Amino acid sequence: MDSPRIDVIHQNVRWQRMYGYVCYAHTKVRSEVRGGGRKPFPQKGLGRSRHGSIRSPLWRGGGVIHGPRSPTPHFYMLPFYTRVMGLTSTLSIKLAQDDLHVVNNLDIPVDDPKFIEELVKSRNWGPSVLFVDISDIMPRNITAATDTLKHFNLMPVYGLNVYSMLKHDTLVLTTQAVDLIEEKLLTQLHRNNPLDVSSKFKVNHT
């Protein structure tokens, strides 16, 4: 068995954390600093350096050159197969550590938060759990039960990501979610494979 690609997982986590980060640090250039509209002293005759404004970057209180300008986004796009490998590596690690569990569905009999807490405790699923189903329309009882529990979260398959899986101790998938994840990952992993051309040239002898 190959070692897990921790480097790829780290790249995915960093990409997700920087995805929406915007830096608002801002410095003013010489045209934005208040004052300095008049030449401070004559060009010649005083034996001083030639200056056109006291707001030049050479002066104290003047403009700043090459300083940060807001807003500065830190968005960048991670290569496609790096994202796919991040998902497969994280799922493999969760499975190897016995932190991935599969259930038939997310239906529970009551909407009491204490019930879901006791259920998770009895199954040793850890202090934080991410429940994943095939759709973003979850069963009513589990939606209401986890609404006030910050350490239990619900997520549809299309939102599953590396950062969310690592934030939770346990990943719980429905059987439908497992089938859809498998189908999506296999499709993307083999999407550039050449087609089986032999089927195109089959001769019908009937």
N, C-alpha and C. Protein backbone atom coordinates (compact mmCIF):
# COMPACT_ATOMS: atom_id res chain seq x y z
N MET A 1 0.85 -1.20 0.00
CA MET A 1 0.00 0.00 0.00
C MET A 1 0.88 1.24 0.00
N ASP A 2 0.59 2.18 -0.89
CA ASP A 2 1.36 3.41 -0.97
C ASP A 2 1.10 4.29 0.24
N SER A 3 2.10 5.09 0.58
CA SER A 3 1.94 6.03 1.70
C SER A 3 0.96 7.13 1.30
N PRO A 4 0.19 7.64 2.24
CA PRO A 4 -0.77 8.71 1.91
C PRO A 4 -0.04 9.97 1.47
N ARG A 5 -0.62 10.67 0.52
CA ARG A 5 -0.01 11.89 -0.01
C ARG A 5 -0.34 13.07 0.90
N ILE A 6 0.43 13.17 1.98
CA ILE A 6 0.21 14.26 2.93
C ILE A 6 0.47 15.60 2.26
N ASP A 7 1.43 15.64 1.33
CA ASP A 7 1.74 16.90 0.65
C ASP A 7 0.56 17.38 -0.18
N VAL A 8 -0.12 16.44 -0.84
CA VAL A 8 -1.28 16.82 -1.65
C VAL A 8 -2.43 17.29 -0.76
N ILE A 9 -2.62 16.62 0.37
CA ILE A 9 -3.66 17.04 1.31
C ILE A 9 -3.36 18.44 1.83
N HIS A 10 -2.10 18.71 2.14
CA HIS A 10 -1.72 20.04 2.62
C HIS A 10 -1.97 21.10 1.56
N GLN A 11 -1.68 20.79 0.31
CA GLN A 11 -1.95 21.74 -0.77
C GLN A 11 -3.44 22.05 -0.87
N ASN A 12 -4.27 21.04 -0.71
CA ASN A 12 -5.71 21.25 -0.76
C ASN A 12 -6.19 22.11 0.40
N VAL A 13 -5.68 21.83 1.59
CA VAL A 13 -6.09 22.61 2.77
C VAL A 13 -5.66 24.07 2.61
N ARG A 14 -4.45 24.29 2.18
CA ARG A 14 -3.97 25.67 2.00
C ARG A 14 -4.79 26.39 0.93
N TRP A 15 -5.10 25.69 -0.15
CA TRP A 15 -5.89 26.29 -1.22
C TRP A 15 -7.28 26.70 -0.71
N GLN A 16 -7.91 25.83 0.08
CA GLN A 16 -9.23 26.15 0.60
C GLN A 16 -9.19 27.30 1.59
N ARG A 17 -8.15 27.37 2.40
CA ARG A 17 -8.07 28.44 3.39
C ARG A 17 -7.76 29.79 2.74
N MET A 18 -7.00 29.77 1.66
CA MET A 18 -6.66 31.00 0.97
C MET A 18 -7.71 31.40 -0.05
N TYR A 19 -8.66 30.52 -0.32
CA TYR A 19 -9.64 30.73 -1.38
C TYR A 19 -10.41 32.03 -1.18
N GLY A 20 -10.90 32.25 0.03
CA GLY A 20 -11.70 33.44 0.28
C GLY A 20 -10.99 34.50 1.09
N TYR A 21 -9.67 34.37 1.27
CA TYR A 21 -8.94 35.34 2.09
C TYR A 21 -8.61 36.60 1.29
N VAL A 22 -8.96 37.74 1.82
CA VAL A 22 -8.67 39.02 1.18
C VAL A 22 -7.95 39.90 2.19
N CYS A 23 -6.81 40.45 1.79
CA CYS A 23 -6.03 41.32 2.66
C CYS A 23 -6.43 42.77 2.41
N TYR A 24 -6.74 43.49 3.49
CA TYR A 24 -7.18 44.89 3.37
C TYR A 24 -6.11 45.88 3.82
N ALA A 25 -4.87 45.43 3.97
CA ALA A 25 -3.78 46.35 4.29
C ALA A 25 -3.58 47.31 3.13
N HIS A 26 -3.46 48.59 3.44
CA HIS A 26 -3.42 49.60 2.38
C HIS A 26 -2.45 50.73 2.76
N THR A 27 -1.65 51.13 1.82
CA THR A 27 -0.77 52.28 1.99
C THR A 27 -1.05 53.28 0.88
N LYS A 28 -0.79 54.55 1.15
CA LYS A 28 -1.06 55.61 0.19
C LYS A 28 0.18 55.94 -0.64
N VAL A 29 -0.04 56.13 -1.92
CA VAL A 29 1.04 56.61 -2.77
C VAL A 29 1.10 58.12 -2.67
N ARG A 30 2.07 58.75 -3.32
CA ARG A 30 2.29 60.18 -3.14
C ARG A 30 1.10 61.01 -3.61
N SER A 31 0.34 60.52 -4.57
CA SER A 31 -0.81 61.27 -5.06
C SER A 31 -1.99 61.21 -4.09
N GLU A 32 -1.97 60.31 -3.12
CA GLU A 32 -3.07 60.16 -2.19
C GLU A 32 -2.80 60.80 -0.84
N VAL A 33 -1.54 61.17 -0.56
CA VAL A 33 -1.20 61.78 0.72
C VAL A 33 -1.63 63.24 0.74
N ARG A 34 -2.19 63.66 1.84
CA ARG A 34 -2.69 65.03 1.96
C ARG A 34 -1.53 66.01 1.97
N GLY A 35 -1.69 67.13 1.25
CA GLY A 35 -0.69 68.19 1.22
C GLY A 35 0.38 67.96 0.16
N GLY A 36 1.41 68.82 0.19
CA GLY A 36 2.54 68.66 -0.72
C GLY A 36 2.29 69.15 -2.12
N GLY A 37 1.32 70.05 -2.29
CA GLY A 37 1.03 70.53 -3.63
C GLY A 37 1.99 71.60 -4.14
N ARG A 38 2.73 72.23 -3.24
CA ARG A 38 3.63 73.31 -3.64
C ARG A 38 5.08 72.85 -3.55
N LYS A 39 5.88 73.37 -4.46
CA LYS A 39 7.31 73.07 -4.41
C LYS A 39 7.89 73.66 -3.13
N PRO A 40 8.61 72.85 -2.33
CA PRO A 40 9.02 73.31 -1.00
C PRO A 40 10.01 74.48 -1.02
N PHE A 41 10.87 74.56 -1.98
CA PHE A 41 11.84 75.66 -2.08
C PHE A 41 12.30 75.76 -3.53
N PRO A 42 12.92 76.84 -3.89
CA PRO A 42 13.33 77.05 -5.28
C PRO A 42 14.26 75.94 -5.78
N GLN A 43 14.22 75.77 -7.09
CA GLN A 43 15.05 74.75 -7.72
C GLN A 43 16.53 75.05 -7.53
N LYS A 44 16.90 76.30 -7.60
CA LYS A 44 18.33 76.69 -7.54
C LYS A 44 18.54 77.80 -6.53
N GLY A 45 19.77 77.94 -6.12
CA GLY A 45 20.14 79.10 -5.31
C GLY A 45 20.29 78.85 -3.84
N LEU A 46 19.72 77.81 -3.29
CA LEU A 46 19.80 77.57 -1.85
C LEU A 46 20.77 76.46 -1.48
N GLY A 47 21.29 75.76 -2.48
CA GLY A 47 22.21 74.67 -2.19
C GLY A 47 21.54 73.44 -1.63
N ARG A 48 20.28 73.28 -1.87
CA ARG A 48 19.56 72.13 -1.36
C ARG A 48 19.21 71.19 -2.51
N SER A 49 18.85 69.98 -2.13
CA SER A 49 18.47 69.00 -3.15
C SER A 49 17.19 69.45 -3.85
N ARG A 50 17.06 69.01 -5.08
CA ARG A 50 15.90 69.41 -5.88
C ARG A 50 14.70 68.54 -5.49
N HIS A 51 13.62 69.18 -5.08
CA HIS A 51 12.39 68.47 -4.70
C HIS A 51 11.19 69.22 -5.26
N GLY A 52 10.21 68.45 -5.67
CA GLY A 52 8.99 69.05 -6.20
C GLY A 52 7.82 68.98 -5.24
N SER A 53 7.93 68.12 -4.19
CA SER A 53 6.82 67.98 -3.24
C SER A 53 7.35 67.37 -1.95
N ILE A 54 6.77 67.81 -0.84
CA ILE A 54 7.18 67.23 0.45
C ILE A 54 6.48 65.90 0.70
N ARG A 55 5.63 65.48 -0.24
CA ARG A 55 4.97 64.19 -0.12
C ARG A 55 5.64 63.14 -1.01
N SER A 56 6.83 63.43 -1.47
CA SER A 56 7.62 62.44 -2.20
C SER A 56 7.99 61.29 -1.26
N PRO A 57 8.13 60.08 -1.78
CA PRO A 57 8.54 58.96 -0.91
C PRO A 57 9.87 59.19 -0.20
N LEU A 58 10.65 60.16 -0.65
CA LEU A 58 11.93 60.45 0.00
C LEU A 58 11.75 61.22 1.30
N TRP A 59 10.58 61.81 1.49
CA TRP A 59 10.32 62.63 2.67
C TRP A 59 9.54 61.83 3.72
N ARG A 60 9.80 62.21 4.98
CA ARG A 60 9.01 61.63 6.06
C ARG A 60 7.56 62.15 5.96
N GLY A 61 6.62 61.21 6.05
CA GLY A 61 5.22 61.58 5.89
C GLY A 61 4.77 61.58 4.45
N GLY A 62 5.68 61.18 3.55
CA GLY A 62 5.32 61.15 2.15
C GLY A 62 4.65 59.83 1.76
N GLY A 63 4.48 59.66 0.47
CA GLY A 63 3.85 58.44 -0.02
C GLY A 63 4.73 57.22 0.15
N VAL A 64 4.14 56.05 0.00
CA VAL A 64 4.86 54.78 0.15
C VAL A 64 4.92 54.11 -1.21
N ILE A 65 6.10 53.66 -1.57
CA ILE A 65 6.25 52.96 -2.84
C ILE A 65 6.26 51.46 -2.60
N HIS A 66 5.63 50.73 -3.49
CA HIS A 66 5.56 49.27 -3.44
C HIS A 66 4.94 48.76 -2.14
N GLY A 67 4.05 49.52 -1.53
CA GLY A 67 3.37 49.07 -0.33
C GLY A 67 2.14 48.26 -0.69
N PRO A 68 1.50 47.64 0.31
CA PRO A 68 0.29 46.85 0.02
C PRO A 68 -0.87 47.75 -0.39
N ARG A 69 -1.65 47.26 -1.33
CA ARG A 69 -2.82 47.99 -1.82
C ARG A 69 -4.05 47.10 -1.66
N SER A 70 -5.05 47.61 -1.00
CA SER A 70 -6.24 46.80 -0.74
C SER A 70 -7.30 47.06 -1.82
N PRO A 71 -8.22 46.10 -1.99
CA PRO A 71 -8.18 44.73 -1.44
C PRO A 71 -7.27 43.84 -2.28
N THR A 72 -6.53 42.97 -1.59
CA THR A 72 -5.62 42.06 -2.27
C THR A 72 -6.13 40.62 -2.08
N PRO A 73 -6.74 40.03 -3.10
CA PRO A 73 -7.21 38.64 -2.97
C PRO A 73 -6.04 37.67 -3.07
N HIS A 74 -6.17 36.55 -2.39
CA HIS A 74 -5.16 35.51 -2.43
C HIS A 74 -5.68 34.25 -3.12
N PHE A 75 -6.68 34.44 -3.97
CA PHE A 75 -7.28 33.31 -4.69
C PHE A 75 -6.32 32.79 -5.76
N TYR A 76 -6.24 31.50 -5.86
CA TYR A 76 -5.54 30.85 -6.96
C TYR A 76 -6.22 29.51 -7.20
N MET A 77 -6.01 28.95 -8.37
CA MET A 77 -6.69 27.71 -8.72
C MET A 77 -5.73 26.54 -8.61
N LEU A 78 -6.11 25.56 -7.83
CA LEU A 78 -5.31 24.35 -7.68
C LEU A 78 -5.54 23.45 -8.89
N PRO A 79 -4.50 22.78 -9.39
CA PRO A 79 -4.70 21.88 -10.54
C PRO A 79 -5.78 20.84 -10.26
N PHE A 80 -6.49 20.48 -11.31
CA PHE A 80 -7.66 19.60 -11.17
C PHE A 80 -7.30 18.28 -10.50
N TYR A 81 -6.28 17.60 -11.00
CA TYR A 81 -5.96 16.28 -10.47
C TYR A 81 -5.37 16.37 -9.06
N THR A 82 -4.82 17.51 -8.68
CA THR A 82 -4.38 17.69 -7.30
C THR A 82 -5.59 17.74 -6.37
N ARG A 83 -6.66 18.34 -6.82
CA ARG A 83 -7.90 18.37 -6.02
C ARG A 83 -8.52 16.99 -5.91
N VAL A 84 -8.55 16.27 -7.03
CA VAL A 84 -9.12 14.92 -7.01
C VAL A 84 -8.28 14.00 -6.11
N MET A 85 -6.96 14.09 -6.24
CA MET A 85 -6.09 13.25 -5.40
C MET A 85 -6.20 13.62 -3.93
N GLY A 86 -6.46 14.89 -3.65
CA GLY A 86 -6.67 15.29 -2.26
C GLY A 86 -7.89 14.62 -1.65
N LEU A 87 -8.97 14.53 -2.43
CA LEU A 87 -10.18 13.86 -1.95
C LEU A 87 -9.94 12.37 -1.74
N THR A 88 -9.31 11.72 -2.73
CA THR A 88 -9.08 10.28 -2.61
C THR A 88 -8.11 9.96 -1.47
N SER A 89 -7.09 10.78 -1.29
CA SER A 89 -6.12 10.54 -0.20
C SER A 89 -6.78 10.72 1.17
N THR A 90 -7.58 11.77 1.32
CA THR A 90 -8.24 12.01 2.60
C THR A 90 -9.25 10.92 2.93
N LEU A 91 -10.01 10.48 1.93
CA LEU A 91 -10.96 9.39 2.15
C LEU A 91 -10.22 8.10 2.52
N SER A 92 -9.08 7.85 1.88
CA SER A 92 -8.31 6.64 2.19
C SER A 92 -7.76 6.68 3.61
N ILE A 93 -7.29 7.84 4.04
CA ILE A 93 -6.76 7.98 5.39
C ILE A 93 -7.87 7.80 6.42
N LYS A 94 -9.02 8.41 6.17
CA LYS A 94 -10.15 8.25 7.09
C LYS A 94 -10.54 6.78 7.21
N LEU A 95 -10.54 6.07 6.08
CA LEU A 95 -10.89 4.65 6.11
C LEU A 95 -9.83 3.84 6.84
N ALA A 96 -8.56 4.12 6.60
CA ALA A 96 -7.48 3.37 7.25
C ALA A 96 -7.45 3.60 8.76
N GLN A 97 -7.86 4.77 9.20
CA GLN A 97 -7.87 5.09 10.62
C GLN A 97 -9.19 4.70 11.30
N ASP A 98 -10.07 4.03 10.56
CA ASP A 98 -11.37 3.62 11.08
C ASP A 98 -12.21 4.83 11.50
N ASP A 99 -12.06 5.93 10.76
CA ASP A 99 -12.83 7.14 11.01
C ASP A 99 -13.86 7.39 9.93
N LEU A 100 -14.10 6.39 9.09
CA LEU A 100 -15.11 6.50 8.04
C LEU A 100 -16.13 5.37 8.25
N HIS A 101 -17.40 5.76 8.33
CA HIS A 101 -18.46 4.79 8.57
C HIS A 101 -19.58 4.99 7.56
N VAL A 102 -20.21 3.90 7.18
CA VAL A 102 -21.29 3.92 6.19
C VAL A 102 -22.59 3.47 6.85
N VAL A 103 -23.66 4.24 6.64
CA VAL A 103 -24.98 3.90 7.17
C VAL A 103 -25.97 3.87 6.00
N ASN A 104 -27.10 3.22 6.22
CA ASN A 104 -28.11 3.13 5.16
C ASN A 104 -28.72 4.49 4.84
N ASN A 105 -29.03 5.25 5.88
CA ASN A 105 -29.60 6.58 5.69
C ASN A 105 -29.39 7.39 6.97
N LEU A 106 -29.83 8.63 6.95
CA LEU A 106 -29.66 9.51 8.10
C LEU A 106 -30.96 9.73 8.86
N ASP A 107 -31.89 8.82 8.72
CA ASP A 107 -33.16 8.93 9.44
C ASP A 107 -32.97 8.54 10.90
N ILE A 108 -33.43 9.41 11.81
CA ILE A 108 -33.44 9.10 13.24
C ILE A 108 -34.86 9.31 13.75
N PRO A 109 -35.26 8.61 14.82
CA PRO A 109 -36.66 8.65 15.24
C PRO A 109 -37.12 9.97 15.83
N VAL A 110 -36.21 10.72 16.47
CA VAL A 110 -36.62 11.98 17.13
C VAL A 110 -35.67 13.09 16.70
N ASP A 111 -36.07 14.34 16.99
CA ASP A 111 -35.24 15.49 16.66
C ASP A 111 -34.55 16.09 17.89
N ASP A 112 -34.36 15.28 18.90
CA ASP A 112 -33.73 15.72 20.15
C ASP A 112 -32.20 15.69 19.99
N PRO A 113 -31.51 16.80 20.26
CA PRO A 113 -30.05 16.81 20.16
C PRO A 113 -29.38 15.79 21.07
N LYS A 114 -29.99 15.51 22.23
CA LYS A 114 -29.39 14.54 23.14
C LYS A 114 -29.39 13.14 22.53
N PHE A 115 -30.40 12.85 21.71
CA PHE A 115 -30.46 11.53 21.09
C PHE A 115 -29.27 11.32 20.14
N ILE A 116 -28.98 12.30 19.30
CA ILE A 116 -27.88 12.15 18.36
C ILE A 116 -26.54 12.13 19.08
N GLU A 117 -26.43 12.87 20.20
CA GLU A 117 -25.20 12.84 20.98
C GLU A 117 -24.98 11.47 21.60
N GLU A 118 -26.04 10.89 22.15
CA GLU A 118 -25.93 9.55 22.74
C GLU A 118 -25.65 8.50 21.68
N LEU A 119 -26.24 8.67 20.50
CA LEU A 119 -26.01 7.72 19.41
C LEU A 119 -24.54 7.75 18.97
N VAL A 120 -24.00 8.95 18.81
CA VAL A 120 -22.60 9.08 18.40
C VAL A 120 -21.67 8.53 19.48
N LYS A 121 -22.01 8.79 20.74
CA LYS A 121 -21.19 8.30 21.85
C LYS A 121 -21.21 6.78 21.92
N SER A 122 -22.37 6.16 21.72
CA SER A 122 -22.48 4.70 21.79
C SER A 122 -21.71 4.01 20.66
N ARG A 123 -21.56 4.69 19.54
CA ARG A 123 -20.84 4.10 18.40
C ARG A 123 -19.37 4.53 18.34
N ASN A 124 -18.94 5.31 19.32
CA ASN A 124 -17.54 5.75 19.40
C ASN A 124 -17.10 6.49 18.13
N TRP A 125 -17.93 7.43 17.72
CA TRP A 125 -17.62 8.20 16.52
C TRP A 125 -16.82 9.46 16.81
N GLY A 126 -16.45 9.69 18.06
CA GLY A 126 -15.62 10.83 18.37
C GLY A 126 -16.41 12.09 18.66
N PRO A 127 -15.71 13.14 19.06
CA PRO A 127 -16.39 14.38 19.49
C PRO A 127 -17.00 15.19 18.35
N SER A 128 -16.52 15.04 17.12
CA SER A 128 -17.07 15.81 16.00
C SER A 128 -17.30 14.88 14.81
N VAL A 129 -18.46 15.05 14.17
CA VAL A 129 -18.87 14.14 13.10
C VAL A 129 -19.39 14.95 11.92
N LEU A 130 -19.01 14.52 10.72
CA LEU A 130 -19.54 15.10 9.50
C LEU A 130 -20.41 14.06 8.81
N PHE A 131 -21.70 14.37 8.69
CA PHE A 131 -22.66 13.47 8.03
C PHE A 131 -22.82 13.91 6.58
N VAL A 132 -22.68 12.96 5.67
CA VAL A 132 -22.76 13.27 4.24
C VAL A 132 -23.84 12.43 3.60
N ASP A 133 -24.74 13.11 2.89
CA ASP A 133 -25.82 12.42 2.18
C ASP A 133 -25.78 12.83 0.71
N ILE A 134 -26.61 12.19 -0.09
CA ILE A 134 -26.57 12.40 -1.53
C ILE A 134 -27.12 13.77 -1.93
N SER A 135 -27.99 14.35 -1.12
CA SER A 135 -28.64 15.61 -1.46
C SER A 135 -28.48 16.61 -0.33
N ASP A 136 -28.72 17.89 -0.63
CA ASP A 136 -28.67 18.90 0.41
C ASP A 136 -30.00 19.00 1.18
N ILE A 137 -31.00 18.23 0.78
CA ILE A 137 -32.26 18.15 1.53
C ILE A 137 -32.17 16.94 2.46
N MET A 138 -31.81 17.19 3.71
CA MET A 138 -31.60 16.11 4.67
C MET A 138 -32.91 15.76 5.39
N PRO A 139 -32.97 14.58 6.01
CA PRO A 139 -34.14 14.24 6.83
C PRO A 139 -34.38 15.28 7.92
N ARG A 140 -35.64 15.53 8.21
CA ARG A 140 -35.99 16.61 9.12
C ARG A 140 -35.42 16.41 10.52
N ASN A 141 -35.54 15.20 11.07
CA ASN A 141 -35.14 14.97 12.45
C ASN A 141 -33.66 15.22 12.68
N ILE A 142 -32.80 14.71 11.79
CA ILE A 142 -31.37 14.90 12.00
C ILE A 142 -30.97 16.35 11.72
N THR A 143 -31.71 17.03 10.84
CA THR A 143 -31.44 18.44 10.60
C THR A 143 -31.74 19.27 11.83
N ALA A 144 -32.88 19.01 12.46
CA ALA A 144 -33.26 19.74 13.67
C ALA A 144 -32.36 19.37 14.85
N ALA A 145 -31.97 18.09 14.95
CA ALA A 145 -31.16 17.64 16.08
C ALA A 145 -29.75 18.24 16.05
N THR A 146 -29.19 18.40 14.87
CA THR A 146 -27.81 18.91 14.76
C THR A 146 -27.75 20.42 14.57
N ASP A 147 -28.90 21.08 14.53
CA ASP A 147 -28.91 22.51 14.25
C ASP A 147 -28.17 23.31 15.32
N THR A 148 -28.29 22.90 16.58
CA THR A 148 -27.65 23.63 17.68
C THR A 148 -26.33 23.01 18.12
N LEU A 149 -25.91 21.93 17.47
CA LEU A 149 -24.66 21.26 17.82
C LEU A 149 -23.58 21.64 16.82
N LYS A 150 -22.64 22.45 17.24
CA LYS A 150 -21.63 22.96 16.33
C LYS A 150 -20.63 21.89 15.90
N HIS A 151 -20.51 20.81 16.68
CA HIS A 151 -19.53 19.78 16.36
C HIS A 151 -20.12 18.66 15.50
N PHE A 152 -21.41 18.76 15.17
CA PHE A 152 -22.04 17.82 14.24
C PHE A 152 -22.53 18.62 13.04
N ASN A 153 -22.11 18.24 11.84
CA ASN A 153 -22.48 19.01 10.65
C ASN A 153 -22.99 18.09 9.55
N LEU A 154 -23.88 18.63 8.73
CA LEU A 154 -24.44 17.92 7.59
C LEU A 154 -23.91 18.53 6.30
N MET A 155 -23.65 17.68 5.31
CA MET A 155 -23.10 18.17 4.05
C MET A 155 -23.54 17.27 2.90
N PRO A 156 -23.95 17.85 1.77
CA PRO A 156 -24.25 17.02 0.59
C PRO A 156 -22.97 16.57 -0.09
N VAL A 157 -23.10 15.59 -0.97
CA VAL A 157 -21.92 15.04 -1.64
C VAL A 157 -21.18 16.10 -2.45
N TYR A 158 -21.95 16.97 -3.11
CA TYR A 158 -21.29 17.96 -3.98
C TYR A 158 -20.46 18.97 -3.20
N GLY A 159 -20.66 19.07 -1.89
CA GLY A 159 -19.86 20.00 -1.09
C GLY A 159 -18.71 19.34 -0.34
N LEU A 160 -18.55 18.03 -0.49
CA LEU A 160 -17.51 17.33 0.26
C LEU A 160 -16.13 17.84 -0.15
N ASN A 161 -15.30 18.14 0.84
CA ASN A 161 -13.98 18.69 0.56
C ASN A 161 -12.99 18.22 1.62
N VAL A 162 -11.71 18.40 1.32
CA VAL A 162 -10.63 17.92 2.19
C VAL A 162 -10.66 18.61 3.53
N TYR A 163 -10.80 19.93 3.54
CA TYR A 163 -10.72 20.71 4.78
C TYR A 163 -11.83 20.30 5.75
N SER A 164 -13.05 20.11 5.24
CA SER A 164 -14.17 19.73 6.12
C SER A 164 -13.98 18.33 6.69
N MET A 165 -13.44 17.41 5.89
CA MET A 165 -13.20 16.06 6.39
C MET A 165 -12.15 16.05 7.49
N LEU A 166 -11.11 16.87 7.35
CA LEU A 166 -10.05 16.91 8.35
C LEU A 166 -10.48 17.63 9.63
N LYS A 167 -11.43 18.56 9.53
CA LYS A 167 -11.91 19.28 10.71
C LYS A 167 -12.72 18.39 11.63
N HIS A 168 -13.29 17.32 11.10
CA HIS A 168 -14.13 16.42 11.90
C HIS A 168 -13.39 15.11 12.17
N ASP A 169 -13.61 14.58 13.35
CA ASP A 169 -12.96 13.32 13.72
C ASP A 169 -13.48 12.15 12.90
N THR A 170 -14.78 12.16 12.63
CA THR A 170 -15.41 11.01 11.98
C THR A 170 -16.21 11.48 10.77
N LEU A 171 -16.16 10.66 9.73
CA LEU A 171 -16.93 10.91 8.51
C LEU A 171 -17.97 9.80 8.38
N VAL A 172 -19.25 10.17 8.31
CA VAL A 172 -20.33 9.21 8.19
C VAL A 172 -21.02 9.44 6.84
N LEU A 173 -21.00 8.40 6.00
CA LEU A 173 -21.58 8.49 4.66
C LEU A 173 -22.78 7.56 4.55
N THR A 174 -23.77 7.98 3.80
CA THR A 174 -24.87 7.07 3.48
C THR A 174 -24.43 6.19 2.30
N THR A 175 -25.12 5.08 2.11
CA THR A 175 -24.77 4.18 1.01
C THR A 175 -24.93 4.87 -0.34
N GLN A 176 -25.96 5.68 -0.48
CA GLN A 176 -26.14 6.43 -1.72
C GLN A 176 -25.01 7.42 -1.95
N ALA A 177 -24.56 8.04 -0.87
CA ALA A 177 -23.44 8.98 -0.99
C ALA A 177 -22.17 8.27 -1.41
N VAL A 178 -21.93 7.08 -0.87
CA VAL A 178 -20.74 6.30 -1.24
C VAL A 178 -20.78 5.96 -2.73
N ASP A 179 -21.94 5.52 -3.21
CA ASP A 179 -22.06 5.17 -4.63
C ASP A 179 -21.81 6.38 -5.52
N LEU A 180 -22.36 7.53 -5.14
CA LEU A 180 -22.18 8.73 -5.96
C LEU A 180 -20.74 9.22 -5.92
N ILE A 181 -20.10 9.19 -4.74
CA ILE A 181 -18.70 9.60 -4.63
C ILE A 181 -17.82 8.70 -5.48
N GLU A 182 -18.06 7.39 -5.40
CA GLU A 182 -17.28 6.45 -6.20
C GLU A 182 -17.45 6.72 -7.69
N GLU A 183 -18.68 6.95 -8.10
CA GLU A 183 -18.95 7.21 -9.52
C GLU A 183 -18.26 8.49 -9.99
N LYS A 184 -18.36 9.56 -9.19
CA LYS A 184 -17.77 10.84 -9.57
C LYS A 184 -16.26 10.75 -9.62
N LEU A 185 -15.64 10.14 -8.62
CA LEU A 185 -14.18 10.06 -8.59
C LEU A 185 -13.64 9.21 -9.73
N LEU A 186 -14.28 8.06 -9.98
CA LEU A 186 -13.82 7.21 -11.08
C LEU A 186 -13.97 7.92 -12.43
N THR A 187 -15.06 8.66 -12.57
CA THR A 187 -15.27 9.39 -13.83
C THR A 187 -14.17 10.43 -14.04
N GLN A 188 -13.84 11.17 -12.99
CA GLN A 188 -12.83 12.22 -13.13
C GLN A 188 -11.42 11.66 -13.25
N LEU A 189 -11.15 10.56 -12.57
CA LEU A 189 -9.81 9.97 -12.65
C LEU A 189 -9.52 9.39 -14.03
N HIS A 190 -10.55 8.93 -14.72
CA HIS A 190 -10.35 8.27 -16.01
C HIS A 190 -10.95 9.06 -17.17
N ARG A 191 -11.18 10.33 -16.96
CA ARG A 191 -11.87 11.10 -18.00
C ARG A 191 -10.98 11.36 -19.23
N ASN A 192 -9.67 11.29 -19.06
CA ASN A 192 -8.76 11.53 -20.18
C ASN A 192 -8.26 10.24 -20.82
N ASN A 193 -8.76 9.09 -20.35
CA ASN A 193 -8.36 7.84 -20.97
C ASN A 193 -8.94 7.73 -22.38
N PRO A 194 -8.17 7.22 -23.34
CA PRO A 194 -8.70 7.09 -24.70
C PRO A 194 -9.85 6.10 -24.75
N LEU A 195 -10.75 6.34 -25.65
CA LEU A 195 -11.89 5.44 -25.80
C LEU A 195 -11.45 4.10 -26.37
N ASP A 196 -12.23 3.08 -26.08
CA ASP A 196 -11.94 1.75 -26.61
C ASP A 196 -12.32 1.73 -28.10
N VAL A 197 -11.32 1.96 -28.94
CA VAL A 197 -11.59 2.10 -30.37
C VAL A 197 -11.96 0.77 -31.01
N SER A 198 -11.65 -0.35 -30.35
CA SER A 198 -11.95 -1.64 -30.94
C SER A 198 -13.44 -1.84 -31.14
N SER A 199 -14.25 -1.21 -30.24
CA SER A 199 -15.69 -1.37 -30.36
C SER A 199 -16.25 -0.63 -31.56
N LYS A 200 -15.48 0.35 -32.08
CA LYS A 200 -15.97 1.12 -33.22
C LYS A 200 -15.83 0.35 -34.54
N PHE A 201 -14.96 -0.62 -34.57
CA PHE A 201 -14.66 -1.30 -35.82
C PHE A 201 -15.13 -2.75 -35.83
N LYS A 202 -16.08 -3.07 -34.96
CA LYS A 202 -16.63 -4.43 -34.93
C LYS A 202 -17.48 -4.66 -36.20
N VAL A 203 -17.29 -5.79 -36.82
CA VAL A 203 -18.00 -6.11 -38.06
C VAL A 203 -19.21 -6.98 -37.72
N ASN A 204 -20.34 -6.58 -38.25
CA ASN A 204 -21.56 -7.36 -38.04
C ASN A 204 -21.67 -8.40 -39.14
N HIS A 205 -21.59 -9.70 -38.79
CA HIS A 205 -21.58 -10.78 -39.77
C HIS A 205 -22.97 -11.38 -39.98
N THR A 206 -23.97 -10.75 -39.42
CA THR A 206 -25.32 -11.31 -39.61
C THR A 206 -25.83 -11.07 -41.00
